[in-house]
Every structure is written in structure tokens, then in C-alpha cells.
Amino acid sequence: MSIFKPVTVVTGASSGIGEALARVFARKGHEVALVARREKEMILLSTELAVSCKYKPHVITADLQRSDAPARIAHELLGRGLEPQIVVNNAGFGLHGAAAELDRAEQLAMLDLNVRALTDLSLRWIDGIVRHGGGILNVASVAGFLPGPGMAVYYASKAYVISFTEALARELAPQGVRVTALCPGPVATEFQRRAGVDNKPPPRLLGKSAEQVAQAGYDGFMAGKRIVIPGLGNKVMSFLPRLLPRGVMLRAIDSYQRGRGRRAESWRKRPKP
């Protein structure tokens, strides 16, 4: 038994898929702790959900690119008498352009958020997660199944999330802990603006709304699935690397990325290899 109340921690909860995931968990009766940098957006969301849900979500303002952020989040939860039962690692961002031409510090900051913070938060509360019979939902991407010229570090970071999550799922299964990687395709959110890509609607067969992705993630997590890929088109995309030569995949994704970015113009104008 624990003297602390179980809570579902959702990072990146101020917008996009993170906000949608927070809504789904809250509406399903979970007590939720919203974590993100933007306090105003989270307060508005918390106030809205308090009207229609069982619990008013907690708000914790934190910048997960800071190395001390997970410890500060843990301290804040402890001070409120809360202990994570479920951890939803959604916070992350991408950068579009050739890796050699993008700012190196920005790319390392991306790894701090997409990889280091996610790993820390996945492992920090294992004892409590086991005690409460909870789990971990990590938001990866269909990009993690593919080679990614044009967004090399981002694609690699999501490959790590998938690999890490699957391995952790296997390790923690005997203790009754669910661990799921949610791998959406393109979703129209603030991610595109931060990454420096165009705001065109995603391809019809690949695109899903944040709400659809969140619901699929919640349902798959509760069902104990190890990998959740919303949409048939994205499932096909995740399988293509097993069928096509690696060189073909590299050229296809290189061509796709050249056509969608707003930054790194010199990279897009290079002669194709």
C-alpha cells in the first residue's frame, strides 16, 4: 500500500497530442497531472476538465529540456501527496533540415527531450507504477521505423523510443506493468511549426487528428498492446522497411522531406545523390 494518491502524469500536455491524451485519461476517470512549459494553457485545460471530469487536473510547469526537470517534477508531485501510477511521455519536438547544417545545440536539446527526459521519467517511478498496477505510454512516431534524411536526429530519437519501450515492456510484464509505444504518422499540430515544415494537411491515408491518435493510444495502452500505430496507411509505412531495400527507402524519404520544409534551403537545393 502507498500513502500517496495515484496519478497519471502527462508531459507536453499544453497542446496537440499531449493535450488530447490528457483529455482522454481525465474523461476516463484518471486523476491527471499536466506537465509542460506553458502554464496558462494548462490552467485553462485544467479548469475546463474540472467541470466535466471526476478530478480537476493538477498543473506542473516544467521545461523538460532542463536536466533537473524530472527531479523537480518528482518533488512537486511528492509535495502534493501524489505518486505516478501511469506516465505518459509525450513531450518532444523535431527539426527539419540536413543534420550537418542545423544548429548542433538545438539537435542536442532535441535528444535531451525526446530521449533523456523520456528515459528518466520512464524509470524514475517504477516501484510506484508496479505498486499501483499502472504503466508507461511513450509517444514515438512511425518515423522511428524508417531512416530519416532531412530529419535524421528526430527519426533516430524515435527509433530509440520504440526500441526502449518494447524492451521495457518485456522486462516489466512479469510485474503486471503495461508499457506501450504510440506511433502516429503526420498529425496537424504545433509540431510542424517548431520543426520548420509546411502546414499542408497530411496525406489522407496517413493523417489522423490528435484526438484520434490519443484515443487509439489510450485504447491500446489499456489493452496492454506493446505498439500502437493509428491508421492503416501508417501501419503499411512501418512495414515497408522490411520489404524494400534500404537505399530505396532512403531516397524516398529524402525526396519527401525536400518537399515539405521551410528551413535549410541550401540543403533542399543540393544535387540529389
Protein backbone atom coordinates (compact mmCIF):
# COMPACT_ATOMS: atom_id res chain seq x y z
CA MET A 1 0.00 0.00 0.00
CA SER A 2 1.03 3.60 -0.58
CA ILE A 3 0.16 6.71 1.39
CA PHE A 4 0.28 8.68 -1.86
CA LYS A 5 -2.61 9.12 -4.30
CA PRO A 6 -2.07 7.54 -7.73
CA VAL A 7 -1.93 9.98 -10.62
CA THR A 8 -1.45 9.90 -14.38
CA VAL A 9 1.40 12.20 -15.44
CA VAL A 10 1.12 13.60 -19.00
CA THR A 11 4.05 15.58 -20.40
CA GLY A 12 3.71 18.05 -23.25
CA ALA A 13 0.11 18.49 -22.12
CA SER A 14 -0.40 22.11 -23.19
CA SER A 15 -1.29 21.36 -26.83
CA GLY A 16 -1.55 18.78 -29.61
CA ILE A 17 -1.41 15.07 -28.88
CA GLY A 18 -0.42 15.67 -25.25
CA GLU A 19 -3.48 17.80 -24.61
CA ALA A 20 -5.67 15.21 -26.35
CA LEU A 21 -4.17 12.40 -24.25
CA ALA A 22 -4.77 14.38 -21.06
CA ARG A 23 -8.40 14.84 -22.08
CA VAL A 24 -8.89 11.11 -22.75
CA PHE A 25 -7.34 9.99 -19.47
CA ALA A 26 -9.23 12.63 -17.45
CA ARG A 27 -12.56 11.74 -19.06
CA LYS A 28 -11.94 8.06 -18.31
CA GLY A 29 -11.74 8.85 -14.60
CA HIS A 30 -7.98 9.16 -14.10
CA GLU A 31 -6.57 11.86 -11.84
CA VAL A 32 -4.17 13.67 -14.17
CA ALA A 33 -1.09 15.83 -13.64
CA LEU A 34 -0.41 18.10 -16.62
CA VAL A 35 3.26 18.86 -17.27
CA ALA A 36 4.57 21.40 -19.81
CA ARG A 37 6.32 24.76 -20.10
CA ARG A 38 3.21 26.82 -20.84
CA GLU A 39 1.32 27.31 -17.60
CA LYS A 40 -1.52 29.44 -18.97
CA GLU A 41 -2.64 26.80 -21.48
CA MET A 42 -2.55 24.07 -18.83
CA ILE A 43 -4.55 26.14 -16.36
CA LEU A 44 -7.24 26.70 -19.00
CA LEU A 45 -7.32 22.98 -19.79
CA SER A 46 -7.42 22.04 -16.10
CA THR A 47 -10.29 24.45 -15.45
CA GLU A 48 -12.23 23.12 -18.43
CA LEU A 49 -11.78 19.46 -17.47
CA ALA A 50 -12.68 20.13 -13.83
CA VAL A 51 -16.24 20.85 -14.97
CA SER A 52 -16.83 17.58 -16.79
CA CYS A 53 -14.41 15.08 -15.21
CA LYS A 54 -14.13 13.33 -11.87
CA TYR A 55 -10.95 15.17 -10.86
CA LYS A 56 -9.53 18.60 -11.60
CA PRO A 57 -6.13 18.04 -13.23
CA HIS A 58 -3.02 19.22 -11.42
CA VAL A 59 -0.74 21.69 -13.23
CA ILE A 60 3.06 21.41 -13.04
CA THR A 61 5.11 23.89 -15.04
CA ALA A 62 8.44 22.45 -16.16
CA ASP A 63 10.86 22.64 -19.08
CA LEU A 64 11.86 19.05 -19.76
CA GLN A 65 14.90 20.12 -21.76
CA ARG A 66 16.47 21.02 -18.42
CA SER A 67 18.39 18.14 -16.88
CA ASP A 68 16.90 18.81 -13.45
CA ALA A 69 13.28 18.86 -14.67
CA PRO A 70 12.39 15.24 -13.80
CA ALA A 71 13.66 15.69 -10.24
CA ARG A 72 11.70 18.93 -9.90
CA ILE A 73 8.54 17.23 -11.19
CA ALA A 74 9.05 14.39 -8.69
CA HIS A 75 9.49 16.92 -5.87
CA GLU A 76 6.32 18.74 -6.90
CA LEU A 77 4.28 15.52 -7.01
CA LEU A 78 5.60 14.44 -3.64
CA GLY A 79 4.66 17.78 -2.13
CA ARG A 80 1.09 17.29 -3.33
CA GLY A 81 0.87 13.76 -1.96
CA LEU A 82 0.84 12.22 -5.44
CA GLU A 83 2.62 9.20 -6.90
CA PRO A 84 2.62 8.31 -10.62
CA GLN A 85 0.55 5.27 -11.49
CA ILE A 86 0.78 5.96 -15.23
CA VAL A 87 3.42 8.02 -17.01
CA VAL A 88 2.58 9.39 -20.45
CA ASN A 89 5.76 10.66 -22.12
CA ASN A 90 4.51 12.86 -24.95
CA ALA A 91 6.80 15.91 -24.80
CA GLY A 92 9.15 16.14 -27.78
CA PHE A 93 9.98 18.07 -30.93
CA GLY A 94 11.62 17.67 -34.32
CA LEU A 95 13.84 19.75 -36.58
CA HIS A 96 13.73 19.72 -40.36
CA GLY A 97 16.87 20.03 -42.46
CA ALA A 98 20.24 18.37 -43.03
CA ALA A 99 21.83 17.36 -39.72
CA ALA A 100 25.20 18.88 -40.69
CA GLU A 101 23.55 22.24 -41.37
CA LEU A 102 21.12 22.51 -38.47
CA ASP A 103 22.22 24.06 -35.19
CA ARG A 104 24.06 21.39 -33.23
CA ALA A 105 22.93 22.71 -29.84
CA GLU A 106 19.29 22.58 -30.95
CA GLN A 107 19.69 18.99 -32.08
CA LEU A 108 21.28 18.01 -28.78
CA ALA A 109 18.43 19.76 -26.96
CA MET A 110 16.04 17.63 -29.02
CA LEU A 111 17.81 14.50 -27.78
CA ASP A 112 17.64 15.80 -24.21
CA LEU A 113 13.86 16.00 -24.52
CA ASN A 114 12.99 13.11 -26.85
CA VAL A 115 15.41 10.60 -25.32
CA ARG A 116 16.97 11.61 -21.99
CA ALA A 117 13.87 13.07 -20.31
CA LEU A 118 11.63 10.26 -21.60
CA THR A 119 14.04 7.63 -20.28
CA ASP A 120 14.34 9.34 -16.90
CA LEU A 121 10.58 9.65 -16.45
CA SER A 122 10.01 6.08 -17.63
CA LEU A 123 12.35 4.69 -14.97
CA ARG A 124 12.01 7.15 -12.09
CA TRP A 125 8.76 5.82 -10.60
CA ILE A 126 8.87 2.10 -11.47
CA ASP A 127 8.28 0.98 -7.88
CA GLY A 128 5.15 3.12 -7.59
CA ILE A 129 3.91 2.08 -11.02
CA VAL A 130 4.25 -1.58 -10.00
CA ARG A 131 2.56 -0.89 -6.67
CA HIS A 132 -0.42 0.76 -8.34
CA GLY A 133 -0.65 -1.69 -11.25
CA GLY A 134 -0.09 1.07 -13.76
CA GLY A 135 2.12 1.54 -16.79
CA ILE A 136 4.00 3.76 -19.21
CA LEU A 137 2.78 5.19 -22.52
CA ASN A 138 5.59 6.63 -24.64
CA VAL A 139 4.72 8.68 -27.72
CA ALA A 140 7.08 7.66 -30.51
CA SER A 141 6.31 8.03 -34.23
CA VAL A 142 6.01 5.95 -37.37
CA ALA A 143 9.25 7.81 -38.25
CA GLY A 144 11.00 5.55 -35.76
CA PHE A 145 10.64 2.61 -38.14
CA LEU A 146 12.28 4.49 -41.03
CA PRO A 147 15.62 6.04 -42.00
CA GLY A 148 15.25 9.82 -41.91
CA PRO A 149 17.38 12.01 -44.17
CA GLY A 150 16.05 15.52 -43.73
CA MET A 151 15.14 14.90 -40.07
CA ALA A 152 17.95 12.49 -39.18
CA VAL A 153 18.23 13.16 -35.44
CA TYR A 154 14.46 13.24 -34.91
CA TYR A 155 13.90 9.93 -36.71
CA ALA A 156 16.77 8.37 -34.75
CA SER A 157 15.35 9.63 -31.45
CA LYS A 158 12.01 7.99 -32.19
CA ALA A 159 13.73 4.74 -33.17
CA TYR A 160 15.26 4.80 -29.70
CA VAL A 161 11.84 5.35 -28.11
CA ILE A 162 10.37 2.34 -29.90
CA SER A 163 13.31 0.05 -29.09
CA PHE A 164 13.48 1.17 -25.46
CA THR A 165 9.73 0.87 -24.95
CA GLU A 166 9.48 -2.62 -26.43
CA ALA A 167 12.37 -3.86 -24.29
CA LEU A 168 10.93 -2.26 -21.15
CA ALA A 169 7.56 -3.84 -21.89
CA ARG A 170 9.19 -7.25 -21.95
CA GLU A 171 11.13 -6.63 -18.74
CA LEU A 172 8.19 -5.29 -16.74
CA ALA A 173 5.47 -7.64 -17.99
CA PRO A 174 6.07 -10.18 -15.17
CA GLN A 175 5.30 -7.39 -12.68
CA GLY A 176 1.99 -6.58 -14.33
CA VAL A 177 3.14 -3.25 -15.81
CA ARG A 178 1.84 -2.19 -19.22
CA VAL A 179 4.34 -0.38 -21.46
CA THR A 180 3.19 0.92 -24.83
CA ALA A 181 4.76 2.89 -27.70
CA LEU A 182 2.24 5.06 -29.55
CA CYS A 183 3.50 5.60 -33.11
CA PRO A 184 1.39 8.12 -35.01
CA GLY A 185 2.02 9.32 -38.51
CA PRO A 186 1.64 13.01 -39.51
CA VAL A 187 -0.67 14.97 -37.21
CA ALA A 188 -1.60 18.62 -37.74
CA THR A 189 -0.28 20.22 -34.51
CA GLU A 190 2.26 22.84 -33.42
CA PHE A 191 4.95 20.24 -34.12
CA GLN A 192 5.13 21.31 -37.76
CA ARG A 193 5.84 24.95 -36.94
CA ARG A 194 8.51 24.06 -34.38
CA ALA A 195 10.15 21.62 -36.79
CA GLY A 196 10.16 24.11 -39.66
CA VAL A 197 7.93 22.20 -42.06
CA ASP A 198 4.94 23.34 -44.07
CA ASN A 199 1.41 23.34 -42.70
CA LYS A 200 -0.14 21.39 -45.55
CA PRO A 201 -2.69 18.77 -44.47
CA PRO A 202 -1.03 15.35 -44.14
CA PRO A 203 -1.69 12.72 -46.82
CA ARG A 204 -5.19 11.34 -46.45
CA LEU A 205 -4.10 7.75 -45.86
CA LEU A 206 -1.57 8.77 -43.20
CA GLY A 207 -3.09 11.75 -41.42
CA LYS A 208 -5.04 11.40 -38.17
CA SER A 209 -6.25 14.08 -35.79
CA ALA A 210 -4.67 14.49 -32.38
CA GLU A 211 -7.92 13.27 -30.84
CA GLN A 212 -7.95 10.11 -32.95
CA VAL A 213 -4.32 9.39 -32.10
CA ALA A 214 -4.92 9.94 -28.39
CA GLN A 215 -7.96 7.66 -28.32
CA ALA A 216 -6.08 4.92 -30.18
CA GLY A 217 -3.17 5.31 -27.77
CA TYR A 218 -5.39 5.10 -24.72
CA ASP A 219 -7.30 2.08 -26.01
CA GLY A 220 -4.11 0.26 -27.00
CA PHE A 221 -2.42 1.02 -23.70
CA MET A 222 -5.38 -0.17 -21.65
CA ALA A 223 -5.49 -3.34 -23.77
CA GLY A 224 -1.82 -3.98 -22.98
CA LYS A 225 -0.52 -3.55 -26.52
CA ARG A 226 3.22 -3.06 -26.92
CA ILE A 227 2.97 -1.00 -30.13
CA VAL A 228 0.04 1.13 -31.31
CA ILE A 229 0.08 2.56 -34.87
CA PRO A 230 -3.09 4.53 -35.62
CA GLY A 231 -4.36 4.13 -39.20
CA LEU A 232 -3.87 1.51 -41.90
CA GLY A 233 -1.62 3.75 -44.01
CA ASN A 234 0.79 4.24 -41.11
CA LYS A 235 0.84 0.52 -40.39
CA VAL A 236 1.86 -0.05 -44.01
CA MET A 237 4.58 2.62 -43.73
CA SER A 238 6.02 0.98 -40.64
CA PHE A 239 6.24 -2.34 -42.51
CA LEU A 240 7.84 -1.05 -45.73
CA PRO A 241 11.46 -1.15 -44.45
CA ARG A 242 11.10 -4.93 -44.15
CA LEU A 243 10.14 -5.20 -47.80
CA LEU A 244 12.12 -2.54 -49.66
CA PRO A 245 15.90 -2.16 -49.98
CA ARG A 246 17.32 0.37 -47.54
CA GLY A 247 18.65 2.54 -50.36
CA VAL A 248 15.18 2.82 -51.87
CA MET A 249 13.73 3.91 -48.53
CA LEU A 250 16.49 6.49 -48.04
CA ARG A 251 15.88 8.04 -51.44
CA ALA A 252 12.10 8.10 -50.96
CA ILE A 253 12.26 9.81 -47.60
CA ASP A 254 14.94 12.22 -48.77
CA SER A 255 12.64 13.26 -51.62
CA TYR A 256 9.64 13.57 -49.29
CA GLN A 257 11.50 15.76 -46.81
CA ARG A 258 12.85 18.05 -49.55
CA GLY A 259 9.30 18.91 -50.50
CA ARG A 260 7.93 19.81 -47.08
CA GLY A 261 10.39 22.08 -45.28
CA ARG A 262 10.54 25.79 -44.79
CA ARG A 263 14.10 25.87 -43.44
CA ALA A 264 17.54 24.66 -44.60
CA GLU A 265 17.00 25.92 -48.15
CA SER A 266 20.60 25.18 -49.11
CA TRP A 267 20.07 21.52 -48.18
CA ARG A 268 16.94 21.23 -50.31
CA LYS A 269 18.72 22.79 -53.27
CA ARG A 270 21.64 20.39 -53.18
CA PRO A 271 22.02 18.00 -56.10
CA LYS A 272 20.44 14.70 -55.21
CA PRO A 273 22.94 11.90 -54.55
